[in-house]
Amino acid sequence: MAVLLRAGDRALVLGLAHCSSARLREWAVALTDGFLVGIGEDDAVHRARRELSDLENVMFTPGSRAEIPWKEVFFTAILDAEGGEETTEMRRVLRGDGRIYSIQP
């Protein structure tokens, strides 16, 4: 499935360990009026923070599909690199008109 990000999207990436820095950068650059939040294991978070530190519209934090550390109904798009079923946490943080993409690493 193609990822269709809009310039103003507030996008959440699940599974940072499965995403290359180049792919994260591509998405962040596409979000000219929005931003990209990525969650994952500590090592992946530190890597992403280090390699994309020049971008102002990104944030990376520890978390998981089962426990997303963000407020309700905030994101307009979720990019799921882990696969599997949608979780209640994913639905909790996604706006009603939001989209979920299952992406290939």
C-alpha atoms as a PDB file:
ATOM      1  CA  MET A   1       0.000   0.000   0.000  1.00  0.00           C
ATOM      2  CA  ALA A   2       1.341   3.445  -0.895  1.00  0.00           C
ATOM      3  CA  VAL A   3       1.749   5.948   1.919  1.00  0.00           C
ATOM      4  CA  LEU A   4      -0.113   9.130   1.069  1.00  0.00           C
ATOM      5  CA  LEU A   5       1.020  11.841   3.436  1.00  0.00           C
ATOM      6  CA  ARG A   6      -0.435  15.330   3.269  1.00  0.00           C
ATOM      7  CA  ALA A   7       1.732  18.354   3.988  1.00  0.00           C
ATOM      8  CA  GLY A   8      -0.083  19.115   7.265  1.00  0.00           C
ATOM      9  CA  ASP A   9      -0.359  15.576   8.618  1.00  0.00           C
ATOM     10  CA  ARG A  10       0.590  14.727  12.157  1.00  0.00           C
ATOM     11  CA  ALA A  11       2.075  11.314  11.464  1.00  0.00           C
ATOM     12  CA  LEU A  12       2.993   8.591  13.945  1.00  0.00           C
ATOM     13  CA  VAL A  13       5.516   5.900  13.011  1.00  0.00           C
ATOM     14  CA  LEU A  14       5.284   2.632  14.930  1.00  0.00           C
ATOM     15  CA  GLY A  15       8.327   0.378  14.899  1.00  0.00           C
ATOM     16  CA  LEU A  16      11.298   2.692  14.394  1.00  0.00           C
ATOM     17  CA  ALA A  17      13.680  -0.285  14.353  1.00  0.00           C
ATOM     18  CA  HIS A  18      12.078  -1.387  11.074  1.00  0.00           C
ATOM     19  CA  CYS A  19      12.495   1.986   9.331  1.00  0.00           C
ATOM     20  CA  SER A  20      15.636   3.345   7.746  1.00  0.00           C
ATOM     21  CA  SER A  21      16.716   6.889   8.489  1.00  0.00           C
ATOM     22  CA  ALA A  22      16.341   7.647   4.774  1.00  0.00           C
ATOM     23  CA  ARG A  23      12.698   6.605   4.825  1.00  0.00           C
ATOM     24  CA  LEU A  24      11.989   8.596   7.998  1.00  0.00           C
ATOM     25  CA  ARG A  25      13.661  11.625   6.429  1.00  0.00           C
ATOM     26  CA  GLU A  26      11.586  11.231   3.241  1.00  0.00           C
ATOM     27  CA  TRP A  27       8.369  11.266   5.267  1.00  0.00           C
ATOM     28  CA  ALA A  28       9.440  14.182   7.465  1.00  0.00           C
ATOM     29  CA  VAL A  29      10.416  16.278   4.428  1.00  0.00           C
ATOM     30  CA  ALA A  30       6.990  15.587   2.886  1.00  0.00           C
ATOM     31  CA  LEU A  31       5.325  17.008   5.995  1.00  0.00           C
ATOM     32  CA  THR A  32       6.054  20.654   5.211  1.00  0.00           C
ATOM     33  CA  ASP A  33       3.294  21.923   7.537  1.00  0.00           C
ATOM     34  CA  GLY A  34       3.084  18.890   9.813  1.00  0.00           C
ATOM     35  CA  PHE A  35       5.386  16.683  11.761  1.00  0.00           C
ATOM     36  CA  LEU A  36       6.523  13.131  12.344  1.00  0.00           C
ATOM     37  CA  VAL A  37       6.581  11.322  15.682  1.00  0.00           C
ATOM     38  CA  GLY A  38       8.262   7.943  15.905  1.00  0.00           C
ATOM     39  CA  ILE A  39       8.066   5.450  18.734  1.00  0.00           C
ATOM     40  CA  GLY A  40      10.031   2.308  19.354  1.00  0.00           C
ATOM     41  CA  GLU A  41      12.728   0.654  21.441  1.00  0.00           C
ATOM     42  CA  ASP A  42      15.384   2.824  23.109  1.00  0.00           C
ATOM     43  CA  ASP A  43      18.168   1.936  20.634  1.00  0.00           C
ATOM     44  CA  ALA A  44      16.013   2.811  17.622  1.00  0.00           C
ATOM     45  CA  VAL A  45      14.886   6.058  19.245  1.00  0.00           C
ATOM     46  CA  HIS A  46      18.494   7.115  19.925  1.00  0.00           C
ATOM     47  CA  ARG A  47      19.535   6.238  16.353  1.00  0.00           C
ATOM     48  CA  ALA A  48      16.666   8.233  14.844  1.00  0.00           C
ATOM     49  CA  ARG A  49      17.319  11.225  17.103  1.00  0.00           C
ATOM     50  CA  ARG A  50      21.008  11.231  16.155  1.00  0.00           C
ATOM     51  CA  GLU A  51      20.566  10.714  12.415  1.00  0.00           C
ATOM     52  CA  LEU A  52      17.698  13.162  11.934  1.00  0.00           C
ATOM     53  CA  SER A  53      18.771  15.841  14.409  1.00  0.00           C
ATOM     54  CA  ASP A  54      18.876  18.443  11.617  1.00  0.00           C
ATOM     55  CA  LEU A  55      15.099  18.224  11.078  1.00  0.00           C
ATOM     56  CA  GLU A  56      12.802  20.460  13.109  1.00  0.00           C
ATOM     57  CA  ASN A  57       9.542  18.606  12.533  1.00  0.00           C
ATOM     58  CA  VAL A  58      10.450  15.246  14.072  1.00  0.00           C
ATOM     59  CA  MET A  59      10.293  13.758  17.542  1.00  0.00           C
ATOM     60  CA  PHE A  60      11.242  10.253  18.667  1.00  0.00           C
ATOM     61  CA  THR A  61      10.279   8.650  21.950  1.00  0.00           C
ATOM     62  CA  PRO A  62      10.202   5.192  23.524  1.00  0.00           C
ATOM     63  CA  GLY A  63       6.893   3.379  23.238  1.00  0.00           C
ATOM     64  CA  SER A  64       5.030   0.528  21.605  1.00  0.00           C
ATOM     65  CA  ARG A  65       1.838  -0.359  19.785  1.00  0.00           C
ATOM     66  CA  ALA A  66       0.367  -1.417  23.118  1.00  0.00           C
ATOM     67  CA  GLU A  67       1.314   1.808  24.906  1.00  0.00           C
ATOM     68  CA  ILE A  68       1.512   4.957  22.806  1.00  0.00           C
ATOM     69  CA  PRO A  69       2.661   7.898  24.956  1.00  0.00           C
ATOM     70  CA  TRP A  70       0.478  10.573  23.355  1.00  0.00           C
ATOM     71  CA  LYS A  71      -2.839  12.311  23.884  1.00  0.00           C
ATOM     72  CA  GLU A  72      -6.084  11.045  22.389  1.00  0.00           C
ATOM     73  CA  VAL A  73      -7.334  11.822  18.876  1.00  0.00           C
ATOM     74  CA  PHE A  74      -4.156  13.619  17.829  1.00  0.00           C
ATOM     75  CA  PHE A  75      -2.585  11.930  14.807  1.00  0.00           C
ATOM     76  CA  THR A  76      -3.958  12.144  11.273  1.00  0.00           C
ATOM     77  CA  ALA A  77      -1.862   9.224   9.979  1.00  0.00           C
ATOM     78  CA  ILE A  78      -0.218   6.153  11.493  1.00  0.00           C
ATOM     79  CA  LEU A  79       2.585   4.413   9.616  1.00  0.00           C
ATOM     80  CA  ASP A  80       2.791   0.913  11.094  1.00  0.00           C
ATOM     81  CA  ALA A  81       6.087  -0.849  10.354  1.00  0.00           C
ATOM     82  CA  GLU A  82       5.412  -3.633  12.869  1.00  0.00           C
ATOM     83  CA  GLY A  83       2.320  -5.051  11.207  1.00  0.00           C
ATOM     84  CA  GLY A  84      -0.401  -6.964  12.934  1.00  0.00           C
ATOM     85  CA  GLU A  85      -3.849  -6.002  14.056  1.00  0.00           C
ATOM     86  CA  GLU A  86      -4.827  -2.465  14.952  1.00  0.00           C
ATOM     87  CA  THR A  87      -4.655  -1.893  18.691  1.00  0.00           C
ATOM     88  CA  THR A  88      -6.982   0.084  20.926  1.00  0.00           C
ATOM     89  CA  GLU A  89      -4.044   2.436  21.540  1.00  0.00           C
ATOM     90  CA  MET A  90      -3.732   3.118  17.823  1.00  0.00           C
ATOM     91  CA  ARG A  91      -7.426   3.980  17.609  1.00  0.00           C
ATOM     92  CA  ARG A  92      -7.195   6.083  20.778  1.00  0.00           C
ATOM     93  CA  VAL A  93      -4.540   8.437  19.326  1.00  0.00           C
ATOM     94  CA  LEU A  94      -5.924   8.550  15.760  1.00  0.00           C
ATOM     95  CA  ARG A  95      -8.398  11.230  14.710  1.00  0.00           C
ATOM     96  CA  GLY A  96     -11.735   9.983  13.413  1.00  0.00           C
ATOM     97  CA  ASP A  97     -10.788  10.846   9.828  1.00  0.00           C
ATOM     98  CA  GLY A  98      -7.239   9.529  10.245  1.00  0.00           C
ATOM     99  CA  ARG A  99      -5.567   6.812   8.190  1.00  0.00           C
ATOM    100  CA  ILE A 100      -3.519   3.767   9.131  1.00  0.00           C
ATOM    101  CA  TYR A 101      -0.931   2.422   6.710  1.00  0.00           C
ATOM    102  CA  SER A 102       0.752  -0.930   7.120  1.00  0.00           C
ATOM    103  CA  ILE A 103       4.194  -0.352   5.628  1.00  0.00           C
ATOM    104  CA  GLN A 104       6.952  -2.655   4.516  1.00  0.00           C
ATOM    105  CA  PRO A 105      10.304  -2.098   6.229  1.00  0.00           C
END
